[in-house]
Amino acid sequence: MKAEYSAAARDELFETIEYYETQTEDLGLRFLEHVESAIARAVASPFIGAALSVPGTEVVRLIRPAVFPYKLPYVVRDEILLILAVAHQRRKPRYWLDRIGPGG
């Protein structure tokens, strides 16, 4: 199994890294390391993330990188773990729901 980001999630990841870099040198890099570590755990055990009930859709799971207030909703499709969003835990809950469809 391998992980992939949806295009929107990739954009969010880069935007968040850039934001953290403006706050403190290397903070963006530390954020990325925590995100990649969380994703590696999910790739190794795809059903580790908490299941989120979204009626009428495939199962969405959530993992959280350590230290940072973000969540990474994902779906498992064949041998792909698709990251739907890099979402701040306290902003716009579930804004990424429209990304669940076939194209992610």
PDB file of N, CA and C in Angstrom:
ATOM      1  N   MET A   1       0.836  -1.174   0.000  1.00  0.00           N
ATOM      2  CA  MET A   1       0.000   0.000   0.000  1.00  0.00           C
ATOM      3  C   MET A   1       0.886   1.244   0.000  1.00  0.00           C
ATOM      4  N   LYS A   2       0.387   2.260  -0.681  1.00  0.00           N
ATOM      5  CA  LYS A   2       1.110   3.533  -0.680  1.00  0.00           C
ATOM      6  C   LYS A   2       0.123   4.660  -0.431  1.00  0.00           C
ATOM      7  N   ALA A   3       0.649   5.780   0.018  1.00  0.00           N
ATOM      8  CA  ALA A   3      -0.183   6.947   0.308  1.00  0.00           C
ATOM      9  C   ALA A   3      -0.069   7.961  -0.819  1.00  0.00           C
ATOM     10  N   GLU A   4      -1.184   8.620  -1.067  1.00  0.00           N
ATOM     11  CA  GLU A   4      -1.226   9.714  -2.027  1.00  0.00           C
ATOM     12  C   GLU A   4      -2.074  10.831  -1.435  1.00  0.00           C
ATOM     13  N   TYR A   5      -1.755  12.051  -1.797  1.00  0.00           N
ATOM     14  CA  TYR A   5      -2.555  13.204  -1.390  1.00  0.00           C
ATOM     15  C   TYR A   5      -3.491  13.578  -2.531  1.00  0.00           C
ATOM     16  N   SER A   6      -4.715  13.948  -2.192  1.00  0.00           N
ATOM     17  CA  SER A   6      -5.552  14.576  -3.211  1.00  0.00           C
ATOM     18  C   SER A   6      -4.876  15.903  -3.557  1.00  0.00           C
ATOM     19  N   ALA A   7      -5.210  16.471  -4.698  1.00  0.00           N
ATOM     20  CA  ALA A   7      -4.585  17.741  -5.091  1.00  0.00           C
ATOM     21  C   ALA A   7      -4.856  18.822  -4.041  1.00  0.00           C
ATOM     22  N   ALA A   8      -6.063  18.865  -3.530  1.00  0.00           N
ATOM     23  CA  ALA A   8      -6.405  19.878  -2.527  1.00  0.00           C
ATOM     24  C   ALA A   8      -5.630  19.648  -1.231  1.00  0.00           C
ATOM     25  N   ALA A   9      -5.485  18.397  -0.817  1.00  0.00           N
ATOM     26  CA  ALA A   9      -4.733  18.095   0.405  1.00  0.00           C
ATOM     27  C   ALA A   9      -3.263  18.478   0.237  1.00  0.00           C
ATOM     28  N   ARG A  10      -2.710  18.242  -0.934  1.00  0.00           N
ATOM     29  CA  ARG A  10      -1.315  18.606  -1.199  1.00  0.00           C
ATOM     30  C   ARG A  10      -1.149  20.124  -1.084  1.00  0.00           C
ATOM     31  N   ASP A  11      -2.086  20.863  -1.639  1.00  0.00           N
ATOM     32  CA  ASP A  11      -2.043  22.325  -1.533  1.00  0.00           C
ATOM     33  C   ASP A  11      -2.108  22.764  -0.068  1.00  0.00           C
ATOM     34  N   GLU A  12      -3.001  22.149   0.694  1.00  0.00           N
ATOM     35  CA  GLU A  12      -3.131  22.487   2.115  1.00  0.00           C
ATOM     36  C   GLU A  12      -1.848  22.171   2.880  1.00  0.00           C
ATOM     37  N   LEU A  13      -1.229  21.057   2.549  1.00  0.00           N
ATOM     38  CA  LEU A  13       0.024  20.681   3.203  1.00  0.00           C
ATOM     39  C   LEU A  13       1.084  21.747   2.966  1.00  0.00           C
ATOM     40  N   PHE A  14       1.279  22.138   1.717  1.00  0.00           N
ATOM     41  CA  PHE A  14       2.297  23.137   1.397  1.00  0.00           C
ATOM     42  C   PHE A  14       1.979  24.496   2.017  1.00  0.00           C
ATOM     43  N   GLU A  15       0.694  24.884   2.007  1.00  0.00           N
ATOM     44  CA  GLU A  15       0.307  26.153   2.621  1.00  0.00           C
ATOM     45  C   GLU A  15       0.604  26.150   4.121  1.00  0.00           C
ATOM     46  N   THR A  16       0.335  25.018   4.768  1.00  0.00           N
ATOM     47  CA  THR A  16       0.563  24.925   6.209  1.00  0.00           C
ATOM     48  C   THR A  16       2.053  24.935   6.520  1.00  0.00           C
ATOM     49  N   ILE A  17       2.827  24.241   5.726  1.00  0.00           N
ATOM     50  CA  ILE A  17       4.288  24.254   5.908  1.00  0.00           C
ATOM     51  C   ILE A  17       4.805  25.687   5.777  1.00  0.00           C
ATOM     52  N   GLU A  18       4.358  26.385   4.734  1.00  0.00           N
ATOM     53  CA  GLU A  18       4.797  27.765   4.532  1.00  0.00           C
ATOM     54  C   GLU A  18       4.401  28.654   5.711  1.00  0.00           C
ATOM     55  N   TYR A  19       3.177  28.474   6.196  1.00  0.00           N
ATOM     56  CA  TYR A  19       2.724  29.272   7.342  1.00  0.00           C
ATOM     57  C   TYR A  19       3.626  29.023   8.550  1.00  0.00           C
ATOM     58  N   TYR A  20       3.864  27.769   8.886  1.00  0.00           N
ATOM     59  CA  TYR A  20       4.692  27.460  10.053  1.00  0.00           C
ATOM     60  C   TYR A  20       6.124  27.973   9.885  1.00  0.00           C
ATOM     61  N   GLU A  21       6.631  27.961   8.681  1.00  0.00           N
ATOM     62  CA  GLU A  21       7.983  28.488   8.457  1.00  0.00           C
ATOM     63  C   GLU A  21       8.051  29.990   8.718  1.00  0.00           C
ATOM     64  N   THR A  22       6.935  30.699   8.494  1.00  0.00           N
ATOM     65  CA  THR A  22       6.936  32.132   8.791  1.00  0.00           C
ATOM     66  C   THR A  22       6.886  32.395  10.289  1.00  0.00           C
ATOM     67  N   GLN A  23       6.452  31.412  11.061  1.00  0.00           N
ATOM     68  CA  GLN A  23       6.343  31.561  12.508  1.00  0.00           C
ATOM     69  C   GLN A  23       7.667  31.299  13.212  1.00  0.00           C
ATOM     70  N   THR A  24       8.315  30.201  12.847  1.00  0.00           N
ATOM     71  CA  THR A  24       9.568  29.787  13.474  1.00  0.00           C
ATOM     72  C   THR A  24      10.369  28.977  12.469  1.00  0.00           C
ATOM     73  N   GLU A  25      11.647  29.249  12.382  1.00  0.00           N
ATOM     74  CA  GLU A  25      12.505  28.511  11.459  1.00  0.00           C
ATOM     75  C   GLU A  25      12.418  27.016  11.740  1.00  0.00           C
ATOM     76  N   ASP A  26      12.260  26.229  10.701  1.00  0.00           N
ATOM     77  CA  ASP A  26      12.188  24.765  10.721  1.00  0.00           C
ATOM     78  C   ASP A  26      10.902  24.213  11.320  1.00  0.00           C
ATOM     79  N   LEU A  27       9.954  25.058  11.725  1.00  0.00           N
ATOM     80  CA  LEU A  27       8.692  24.548  12.252  1.00  0.00           C
ATOM     81  C   LEU A  27       7.879  23.873  11.153  1.00  0.00           C
ATOM     82  N   GLY A  28       7.944  24.400   9.945  1.00  0.00           N
ATOM     83  CA  GLY A  28       7.272  23.772   8.814  1.00  0.00           C
ATOM     84  C   GLY A  28       7.828  22.387   8.536  1.00  0.00           C
ATOM     85  N   LEU A  29       9.144  22.254   8.630  1.00  0.00           N
ATOM     86  CA  LEU A  29       9.774  20.951   8.433  1.00  0.00           C
ATOM     87  C   LEU A  29       9.336  19.969   9.514  1.00  0.00           C
ATOM     88  N   ARG A  30       9.255  20.428  10.749  1.00  0.00           N
ATOM     89  CA  ARG A  30       8.800  19.549  11.836  1.00  0.00           C
ATOM     90  C   ARG A  30       7.355  19.129  11.626  1.00  0.00           C
ATOM     91  N   PHE A  31       6.519  20.064  11.139  1.00  0.00           N
ATOM     92  CA  PHE A  31       5.138  19.722  10.824  1.00  0.00           C
ATOM     93  C   PHE A  31       5.096  18.614   9.774  1.00  0.00           C
ATOM     94  N   LEU A  32       5.859  18.778   8.707  1.00  0.00           N
ATOM     95  CA  LEU A  32       5.900  17.777   7.646  1.00  0.00           C
ATOM     96  C   LEU A  32       6.352  16.419   8.180  1.00  0.00           C
ATOM     97  N   GLU A  33       7.356  16.406   9.037  1.00  0.00           N
ATOM     98  CA  GLU A  33       7.836  15.146   9.608  1.00  0.00           C
ATOM     99  C   GLU A  33       6.741  14.450  10.408  1.00  0.00           C
ATOM    100  N   HIS A  34       5.971  15.215  11.181  1.00  0.00           N
ATOM    101  CA  HIS A  34       4.878  14.617  11.963  1.00  0.00           C
ATOM    102  C   HIS A  34       3.757  14.110  11.058  1.00  0.00           C
ATOM    103  N   VAL A  35       3.451  14.847  10.005  1.00  0.00           N
ATOM    104  CA  VAL A  35       2.431  14.405   9.055  1.00  0.00           C
ATOM    105  C   VAL A  35       2.883  13.112   8.381  1.00  0.00           C
ATOM    106  N   GLU A  36       4.115  13.076   7.904  1.00  0.00           N
ATOM    107  CA  GLU A  36       4.620  11.877   7.237  1.00  0.00           C
ATOM    108  C   GLU A  36       4.667  10.680   8.181  1.00  0.00           C
ATOM    109  N   SER A  37       4.992  10.901   9.437  1.00  0.00           N
ATOM    110  CA  SER A  37       5.006   9.828  10.421  1.00  0.00           C
ATOM    111  C   SER A  37       3.601   9.266  10.634  1.00  0.00           C
ATOM    112  N   ALA A  38       2.611  10.140  10.740  1.00  0.00           N
ATOM    113  CA  ALA A  38       1.224   9.694  10.906  1.00  0.00           C
ATOM    114  C   ALA A  38       0.764   8.898   9.693  1.00  0.00           C
ATOM    115  N   ILE A  39       1.109   9.371   8.513  1.00  0.00           N
ATOM    116  CA  ILE A  39       0.721   8.669   7.290  1.00  0.00           C
ATOM    117  C   ILE A  39       1.416   7.314   7.209  1.00  0.00           C
ATOM    118  N   ALA A  40       2.679   7.249   7.595  1.00  0.00           N
ATOM    119  CA  ALA A  40       3.399   5.968   7.586  1.00  0.00           C
ATOM    120  C   ALA A  40       2.718   4.961   8.506  1.00  0.00           C
ATOM    121  N   ARG A  41       2.245   5.419   9.668  1.00  0.00           N
ATOM    122  CA  ARG A  41       1.513   4.522  10.573  1.00  0.00           C
ATOM    123  C   ARG A  41       0.246   4.011   9.908  1.00  0.00           C
ATOM    124  N   ALA A  42      -0.467   4.893   9.214  1.00  0.00           N
ATOM    125  CA  ALA A  42      -1.706   4.496   8.544  1.00  0.00           C
ATOM    126  C   ALA A  42      -1.438   3.556   7.380  1.00  0.00           C
ATOM    127  N   VAL A  43      -0.365   3.772   6.652  1.00  0.00           N
ATOM    128  CA  VAL A  43      -0.014   2.866   5.542  1.00  0.00           C
ATOM    129  C   VAL A  43       0.301   1.478   6.087  1.00  0.00           C
ATOM    130  N   ALA A  44       1.018   1.423   7.205  1.00  0.00           N
ATOM    131  CA  ALA A  44       1.377   0.137   7.810  1.00  0.00           C
ATOM    132  C   ALA A  44       0.151  -0.587   8.364  1.00  0.00           C
ATOM    133  N   SER A  45      -0.834   0.181   8.817  1.00  0.00           N
ATOM    134  CA  SER A  45      -2.049  -0.384   9.394  1.00  0.00           C
ATOM    135  C   SER A  45      -3.220   0.504   8.982  1.00  0.00           C
ATOM    136  N   PRO A  46      -3.764   0.281   7.778  1.00  0.00           N
ATOM    137  CA  PRO A  46      -4.739   1.208   7.193  1.00  0.00           C
ATOM    138  C   PRO A  46      -6.004   1.462   8.009  1.00  0.00           C
ATOM    139  N   PHE A  47      -6.342   0.559   8.902  1.00  0.00           N
ATOM    140  CA  PHE A  47      -7.579   0.736   9.657  1.00  0.00           C
ATOM    141  C   PHE A  47      -7.330   1.284  11.058  1.00  0.00           C
ATOM    142  N   ILE A  48      -6.138   1.842  11.259  1.00  0.00           N
ATOM    143  CA  ILE A  48      -5.763   2.410  12.546  1.00  0.00           C
ATOM    144  C   ILE A  48      -6.514   3.702  12.841  1.00  0.00           C
ATOM    145  N   GLY A  49      -6.833   4.450  11.817  1.00  0.00           N
ATOM    146  CA  GLY A  49      -7.497   5.734  12.018  1.00  0.00           C
ATOM    147  C   GLY A  49      -8.926   5.566  12.482  1.00  0.00           C
ATOM    148  N   ALA A  50      -9.395   6.490  13.284  1.00  0.00           N
ATOM    149  CA  ALA A  50     -10.769   6.456  13.771  1.00  0.00           C
ATOM    150  C   ALA A  50     -11.729   6.571  12.597  1.00  0.00           C
ATOM    151  N   ALA A  51     -12.706   5.668  12.544  1.00  0.00           N
ATOM    152  CA  ALA A  51     -13.690   5.688  11.465  1.00  0.00           C
ATOM    153  C   ALA A  51     -14.677   6.824  11.695  1.00  0.00           C
ATOM    154  N   LEU A  52     -14.994   7.514  10.630  1.00  0.00           N
ATOM    155  CA  LEU A  52     -15.925   8.632  10.673  1.00  0.00           C
ATOM    156  C   LEU A  52     -17.166   8.227   9.890  1.00  0.00           C
ATOM    157  N   SER A  53     -18.302   8.337  10.493  1.00  0.00           N
ATOM    158  CA  SER A  53     -19.548   7.960   9.846  1.00  0.00           C
ATOM    159  C   SER A  53     -20.011   9.081   8.915  1.00  0.00           C
ATOM    160  N   VAL A  54     -19.989   8.778   7.633  1.00  0.00           N
ATOM    161  CA  VAL A  54     -20.465   9.723   6.630  1.00  0.00           C
ATOM    162  C   VAL A  54     -21.478   8.959   5.780  1.00  0.00           C
ATOM    163  N   PRO A  55     -22.772   9.117   6.069  1.00  0.00           N
ATOM    164  CA  PRO A  55     -23.796   8.345   5.355  1.00  0.00           C
ATOM    165  C   PRO A  55     -23.677   8.470   3.841  1.00  0.00           C
ATOM    166  N   GLY A  56     -23.823   7.326   3.183  1.00  0.00           N
ATOM    167  CA  GLY A  56     -23.819   7.300   1.728  1.00  0.00           C
ATOM    168  C   GLY A  56     -22.453   7.388   1.080  1.00  0.00           C
ATOM    169  N   THR A  57     -21.385   7.249   1.857  1.00  0.00           N
ATOM    170  CA  THR A  57     -20.043   7.328   1.284  1.00  0.00           C
ATOM    171  C   THR A  57     -19.205   6.152   1.765  1.00  0.00           C
ATOM    172  N   GLU A  58     -18.028   6.060   1.215  1.00  0.00           N
ATOM    173  CA  GLU A  58     -17.087   5.059   1.688  1.00  0.00           C
ATOM    174  C   GLU A  58     -16.590   5.438   3.077  1.00  0.00           C
ATOM    175  N   VAL A  59     -15.966   4.500   3.758  1.00  0.00           N
ATOM    176  CA  VAL A  59     -15.488   4.751   5.117  1.00  0.00           C
ATOM    177  C   VAL A  59     -14.342   5.756   5.088  1.00  0.00           C
ATOM    178  N   VAL A  60     -14.485   6.792   5.869  1.00  0.00           N
ATOM    179  CA  VAL A  60     -13.438   7.799   6.019  1.00  0.00           C
ATOM    180  C   VAL A  60     -12.814   7.589   7.386  1.00  0.00           C
ATOM    181  N   ARG A  61     -11.495   7.625   7.432  1.00  0.00           N
ATOM    182  CA  ARG A  61     -10.784   7.464   8.695  1.00  0.00           C
ATOM    183  C   ARG A  61      -9.962   8.728   8.954  1.00  0.00           C
ATOM    184  N   LEU A  62      -9.680   8.970  10.225  1.00  0.00           N
ATOM    185  CA  LEU A  62      -8.920  10.157  10.616  1.00  0.00           C
ATOM    186  C   LEU A  62      -7.684   9.752  11.402  1.00  0.00           C
ATOM    187  N   ILE A  63      -6.569  10.330  11.037  1.00  0.00           N
ATOM    188  CA  ILE A  63      -5.355  10.207  11.832  1.00  0.00           C
ATOM    189  C   ILE A  63      -4.899  11.619  12.168  1.00  0.00           C
ATOM    190  N   ARG A  64      -4.120  11.709  13.215  1.00  0.00           N
ATOM    191  CA  ARG A  64      -3.636  13.020  13.646  1.00  0.00           C
ATOM    192  C   ARG A  64      -2.125  12.977  13.801  1.00  0.00           C
ATOM    193  N   PRO A  65      -1.450  13.963  13.239  1.00  0.00           N
ATOM    194  CA  PRO A  65      -0.009  14.050  13.501  1.00  0.00           C
ATOM    195  C   PRO A  65       0.220  14.475  14.947  1.00  0.00           C
ATOM    196  N   ALA A  66       1.257  13.962  15.540  1.00  0.00           N
ATOM    197  CA  ALA A  66       1.586  14.337  16.918  1.00  0.00           C
ATOM    198  C   ALA A  66       1.886  15.836  16.996  1.00  0.00           C
ATOM    199  N   VAL A  67       1.586  16.430  18.110  1.00  0.00           N
ATOM    200  CA  VAL A  67       1.926  17.804  18.478  1.00  0.00           C
ATOM    201  C   VAL A  67       1.056  18.859  17.783  1.00  0.00           C
ATOM    202  N   PHE A  68       0.821  18.768  16.511  1.00  0.00           N
ATOM    203  CA  PHE A  68       0.135  19.816  15.762  1.00  0.00           C
ATOM    204  C   PHE A  68      -1.382  19.577  15.744  1.00  0.00           C
ATOM    205  N   PRO A  69      -2.185  20.654  15.757  1.00  0.00           N
ATOM    206  CA  PRO A  69      -3.640  20.513  15.822  1.00  0.00           C
ATOM    207  C   PRO A  69      -4.288  20.286  14.455  1.00  0.00           C
ATOM    208  N   TYR A  70      -3.884  19.228  13.808  1.00  0.00           N
ATOM    209  CA  TYR A  70      -4.397  18.903  12.474  1.00  0.00           C
ATOM    210  C   TYR A  70      -4.923  17.483  12.452  1.00  0.00           C
ATOM    211  N   LYS A  71      -5.792  17.237  11.491  1.00  0.00           N
ATOM    212  CA  LYS A  71      -6.270  15.884  11.244  1.00  0.00           C
ATOM    213  C   LYS A  71      -6.104  15.602   9.759  1.00  0.00           C
ATOM    214  N   LEU A  72      -5.929  14.337   9.462  1.00  0.00           N
ATOM    215  CA  LEU A  72      -5.733  13.893   8.086  1.00  0.00           C
ATOM    216  C   LEU A  72      -6.813  12.866   7.759  1.00  0.00           C
ATOM    217  N   PRO A  73      -7.944  13.297   7.194  1.00  0.00           N
ATOM    218  CA  PRO A  73      -8.957  12.332   6.790  1.00  0.00           C
ATOM    219  C   PRO A  73      -8.478  11.574   5.550  1.00  0.00           C
ATOM    220  N   TYR A  74      -8.747  10.267   5.530  1.00  0.00           N
ATOM    221  CA  TYR A  74      -8.317   9.462   4.393  1.00  0.00           C
ATOM    222  C   TYR A  74      -9.298   8.343   4.105  1.00  0.00           C
ATOM    223  N   VAL A  75      -9.225   7.829   2.889  1.00  0.00           N
ATOM    224  CA  VAL A  75      -9.973   6.650   2.479  1.00  0.00           C
ATOM    225  C   VAL A  75      -8.975   5.644   1.915  1.00  0.00           C
ATOM    226  N   VAL A  76      -9.355   4.384   1.989  1.00  0.00           N
ATOM    227  CA  VAL A  76      -8.523   3.327   1.430  1.00  0.00           C
ATOM    228  C   VAL A  76      -9.211   2.832   0.168  1.00  0.00           C
ATOM    229  N   ARG A  77      -8.495   2.919  -0.937  1.00  0.00           N
ATOM    230  CA  ARG A  77      -9.015   2.473  -2.238  1.00  0.00           C
ATOM    231  C   ARG A  77      -8.000   1.531  -2.859  1.00  0.00           C
ATOM    232  N   ASP A  78      -8.385   0.281  -2.941  1.00  0.00           N
ATOM    233  CA  ASP A  78      -7.472  -0.755  -3.432  1.00  0.00           C
ATOM    234  C   ASP A  78      -6.181  -0.702  -2.629  1.00  0.00           C
ATOM    235  N   GLU A  79      -5.090  -0.378  -3.245  1.00  0.00           N
ATOM    236  CA  GLU A  79      -3.803  -0.327  -2.543  1.00  0.00           C
ATOM    237  C   GLU A  79      -3.324   1.104  -2.314  1.00  0.00           C
ATOM    238  N   ILE A  80      -4.272   2.040  -2.347  1.00  0.00           N
ATOM    239  CA  ILE A  80      -3.946   3.457  -2.156  1.00  0.00           C
ATOM    240  C   ILE A  80      -4.626   3.985  -0.892  1.00  0.00           C
ATOM    241  N   LEU A  81      -3.868   4.649  -0.067  1.00  0.00           N
ATOM    242  CA  LEU A  81      -4.406   5.378   1.078  1.00  0.00           C
ATOM    243  C   LEU A  81      -4.445   6.833   0.622  1.00  0.00           C
ATOM    244  N   LEU A  82      -5.627   7.334   0.344  1.00  0.00           N
ATOM    245  CA  LEU A  82      -5.787   8.674  -0.215  1.00  0.00           C
ATOM    246  C   LEU A  82      -6.081   9.683   0.884  1.00  0.00           C
ATOM    247  N   ILE A  83      -5.159  10.614   1.078  1.00  0.00           N
ATOM    248  CA  ILE A  83      -5.330  11.686   2.049  1.00  0.00           C
ATOM    249  C   ILE A  83      -6.241  12.737   1.417  1.00  0.00           C
ATOM    250  N   LEU A  84      -7.386  12.978   2.039  1.00  0.00           N
ATOM    251  CA  LEU A  84      -8.365  13.911   1.493  1.00  0.00           C
ATOM    252  C   LEU A  84      -8.080  15.362   1.856  1.00  0.00           C
ATOM    253  N   ALA A  85      -7.487  15.574   3.039  1.00  0.00           N
ATOM    254  CA  ALA A  85      -7.272  16.949   3.503  1.00  0.00           C
ATOM    255  C   ALA A  85      -6.184  16.978   4.566  1.00  0.00           C
ATOM    256  N   VAL A  86      -5.597  18.137   4.712  1.00  0.00           N
ATOM    257  CA  VAL A  86      -4.713  18.444   5.837  1.00  0.00           C
ATOM    258  C   VAL A  86      -5.468  19.563   6.549  1.00  0.00           C
ATOM    259  N   ALA A  87      -6.309  19.148   7.504  1.00  0.00           N
ATOM    260  CA  ALA A  87      -7.316  20.033   8.066  1.00  0.00           C
ATOM    261  C   ALA A  87      -7.015  20.423   9.509  1.00  0.00           C
ATOM    262  N   HIS A  88      -7.066  21.705   9.792  1.00  0.00           N
ATOM    263  CA  HIS A  88      -6.917  22.174  11.167  1.00  0.00           C
ATOM    264  C   HIS A  88      -8.102  21.639  11.975  1.00  0.00           C
ATOM    265  N   GLN A  89      -7.843  21.173  13.176  1.00  0.00           N
ATOM    266  CA  GLN A  89      -8.887  20.546  13.985  1.00  0.00           C
ATOM    267  C   GLN A  89      -9.981  21.504  14.445  1.00  0.00           C
ATOM    268  N   ARG A  90      -9.696  22.788  14.479  1.00  0.00           N
ATOM    269  CA  ARG A  90     -10.671  23.728  15.021  1.00  0.00           C
ATOM    270  C   ARG A  90     -11.256  24.680  13.984  1.00  0.00           C
ATOM    271  N   ARG A  91     -11.026  24.400  12.732  1.00  0.00           N
ATOM    272  CA  ARG A  91     -11.544  25.280  11.689  1.00  0.00           C
ATOM    273  C   ARG A  91     -12.367  24.490  10.682  1.00  0.00           C
ATOM    274  N   LYS A  92     -13.465  25.053  10.276  1.00  0.00           N
ATOM    275  CA  LYS A  92     -14.297  24.481   9.218  1.00  0.00           C
ATOM    276  C   LYS A  92     -14.447  22.964   9.317  1.00  0.00           C
ATOM    277  N   PRO A  93     -15.139  22.448  10.301  1.00  0.00           N
ATOM    278  CA  PRO A  93     -15.268  20.995  10.413  1.00  0.00           C
ATOM    279  C   PRO A  93     -15.903  20.378   9.164  1.00  0.00           C
ATOM    280  N   ARG A  94     -15.297  19.332   8.719  1.00  0.00           N
ATOM    281  CA  ARG A  94     -15.791  18.514   7.587  1.00  0.00           C
ATOM    282  C   ARG A  94     -15.950  19.263   6.266  1.00  0.00           C
ATOM    283  N   TYR A  95     -15.236  20.345   6.076  1.00  0.00           N
ATOM    284  CA  TYR A  95     -15.311  21.087   4.815  1.00  0.00           C
ATOM    285  C   TYR A  95     -14.876  20.235   3.626  1.00  0.00           C
ATOM    286  N   TRP A  96     -14.107  19.213   3.884  1.00  0.00           N
ATOM    287  CA  TRP A  96     -13.509  18.366   2.864  1.00  0.00           C
ATOM    288  C   TRP A  96     -14.428  17.222   2.415  1.00  0.00           C
ATOM    289  N   LEU A  97     -15.650  17.139   2.915  1.00  0.00           N
ATOM    290  CA  LEU A  97     -16.532  16.030   2.593  1.00  0.00           C
ATOM    291  C   LEU A  97     -16.792  15.869   1.090  1.00  0.00           C
ATOM    292  N   ASP A  98     -16.786  16.965   0.363  1.00  0.00           N
ATOM    293  CA  ASP A  98     -17.046  16.864  -1.084  1.00  0.00           C
ATOM    294  C   ASP A  98     -15.871  16.222  -1.838  1.00  0.00           C
ATOM    295  N   ARG A  99     -14.792  15.938  -1.159  1.00  0.00           N
ATOM    296  CA  ARG A  99     -13.622  15.293  -1.802  1.00  0.00           C
ATOM    297  C   ARG A  99     -13.697  13.769  -1.753  1.00  0.00           C
ATOM    298  N   ILE A 100     -14.732  13.230  -1.155  1.00  0.00           N
ATOM    299  CA  ILE A 100     -14.804  11.788  -0.971  1.00  0.00           C
ATOM    300  C   ILE A 100     -15.121  11.036  -2.254  1.00  0.00           C
ATOM    301  N   GLY A 101     -15.749  11.647  -3.214  1.00  0.00           N
ATOM    302  CA  GLY A 101     -16.160  10.964  -4.432  1.00  0.00           C
ATOM    303  C   GLY A 101     -15.038  10.241  -5.156  1.00  0.00           C
ATOM    304  N   PRO A 102     -15.342   9.642  -6.300  1.00  0.00           N
ATOM    305  CA  PRO A 102     -14.375   8.816  -7.040  1.00  0.00           C
ATOM    306  C   PRO A 102     -13.048   9.510  -7.351  1.00  0.00           C
ATOM    307  N   GLY A 103     -13.083  10.796  -7.616  1.00  0.00           N
ATOM    308  CA  GLY A 103     -11.837  11.494  -7.954  1.00  0.00           C
ATOM    309  C   GLY A 103     -11.067  11.975  -6.751  1.00  0.00           C
ATOM    310  N   GLY A 104     -11.680  11.927  -5.573  1.00  0.00           N
ATOM    311  CA  GLY A 104     -11.027  12.379  -4.350  1.00  0.00           C
ATOM    312  C   GLY A 104     -11.039  13.828  -4.287  1.00  0.00           C
TER     313      GLY A 104
END
